[in-house]
Amino acid sequence: MKTQHIPGVTQPYLYVGVWRSLFGWHKEDVDLYSINYLHQGHPKFWYSIDLDSNEDFEALANSYFSDLYKECPEFLRHKTTLIEPGILL
């Protein structure tokens, strides 16, 4: 049986961040869970959306970025969207 290699799913994925780097809101591959580990440096702020609020979050993002939603209803998977956490409150 041939093993399928899918980066970030069957093989670990490594992102290297630098000072003042950002990462857009996104959904994990096939909605799987992920682990984030800070190897070195100052603590980071991580924001996440509870699965029970997923539909509300997507509706908010779709309303703010209707042009992206029209191009691709799964635009949140593209890791290109930034939403200020204060707006979510």
Protein backbone atom coordinates (compact mmCIF):
# COMPACT_ATOMS: atom_id res chain seq x y z
CA MET A 1 0.00 0.00 0.00
CA LYS A 2 1.41 3.38 -1.02
CA THR A 3 1.48 6.07 1.67
CA GLN A 4 0.18 9.44 0.59
CA HIS A 5 2.17 12.43 1.81
CA ILE A 6 0.12 15.56 2.45
CA PRO A 7 2.10 18.49 3.88
CA GLY A 8 0.49 19.72 7.08
CA VAL A 9 -1.68 16.60 7.41
CA THR A 10 0.50 13.48 7.21
CA GLN A 11 3.75 15.43 7.44
CA PRO A 12 4.49 18.33 9.82
CA TYR A 13 4.48 21.85 8.47
CA LEU A 14 6.91 24.48 9.75
CA TYR A 15 6.30 28.21 9.53
CA VAL A 16 9.11 30.57 10.45
CA GLY A 17 8.01 33.94 11.77
CA VAL A 18 10.05 37.05 12.33
CA TRP A 19 9.53 40.17 14.38
CA ARG A 20 6.20 41.85 13.57
CA SER A 21 5.11 39.01 11.30
CA LEU A 22 1.43 38.24 10.81
CA PHE A 23 -0.59 35.24 9.79
CA GLY A 24 -4.08 35.63 8.36
CA TRP A 25 -7.25 34.08 9.71
CA HIS A 26 -7.64 30.64 8.20
CA LYS A 27 -9.24 27.25 8.58
CA GLU A 28 -6.99 24.29 9.13
CA ASP A 29 -6.63 21.72 6.35
CA VAL A 30 -9.80 19.64 6.14
CA ASP A 31 -10.86 21.30 9.42
CA LEU A 32 -8.30 19.27 11.39
CA TYR A 33 -6.82 20.47 14.64
CA SER A 34 -3.31 21.88 14.76
CA ILE A 35 -0.55 22.35 17.30
CA ASN A 36 1.42 25.57 17.53
CA TYR A 37 4.67 25.73 19.43
CA LEU A 38 6.85 28.77 20.05
CA HIS A 39 10.47 27.60 20.07
CA GLN A 40 12.10 30.89 20.99
CA GLY A 41 11.35 34.54 21.52
CA HIS A 42 8.69 36.61 23.19
CA PRO A 43 5.22 35.17 23.72
CA LYS A 44 2.81 35.45 20.80
CA PHE A 45 -0.89 36.22 20.80
CA TRP A 46 -3.05 33.48 19.30
CA TYR A 47 -6.66 34.11 18.44
CA SER A 48 -9.05 31.31 17.60
CA ILE A 49 -12.74 30.86 16.93
CA ASP A 50 -14.66 28.24 18.87
CA LEU A 51 -16.19 25.59 16.62
CA ASP A 52 -19.64 26.55 17.94
CA SER A 53 -19.10 30.06 16.53
CA ASN A 54 -17.69 28.95 13.18
CA GLU A 55 -20.79 29.83 11.14
CA ASP A 56 -21.08 33.26 12.80
CA PHE A 57 -17.41 33.97 12.11
CA GLU A 58 -17.69 32.94 8.47
CA ALA A 59 -20.82 35.11 8.03
CA LEU A 60 -18.94 38.10 9.51
CA ALA A 61 -15.89 37.49 7.30
CA ASN A 62 -18.11 37.05 4.22
CA SER A 63 -19.85 40.36 4.93
CA TYR A 64 -16.56 42.24 5.36
CA PHE A 65 -14.90 40.61 2.34
CA SER A 66 -17.82 40.00 -0.02
CA ASP A 67 -15.58 40.42 -3.09
CA LEU A 68 -13.28 37.60 -1.90
CA TYR A 69 -16.29 35.45 -1.01
CA LYS A 70 -17.73 35.89 -4.52
CA GLU A 71 -14.41 34.78 -6.03
CA CYS A 72 -14.07 31.77 -3.72
CA PRO A 73 -16.52 30.80 -0.93
CA GLU A 74 -13.58 29.08 0.84
CA PHE A 75 -11.37 32.22 0.85
CA LEU A 76 -10.62 31.82 4.57
CA ARG A 77 -8.50 28.78 3.71
CA HIS A 78 -6.17 31.00 1.63
CA LYS A 79 -4.55 32.61 4.71
CA THR A 80 -4.87 36.13 3.27
CA THR A 81 -7.53 37.69 5.54
CA LEU A 82 -6.88 39.90 8.54
CA ILE A 83 -9.69 40.97 10.88
CA GLU A 84 -8.98 43.07 13.95
CA PRO A 85 -9.89 41.01 17.04
CA GLY A 86 -11.84 43.98 18.44
CA ILE A 87 -14.31 43.68 15.56
CA LEU A 88 -15.08 40.12 16.64
CA LEU A 89 -16.11 41.32 20.09
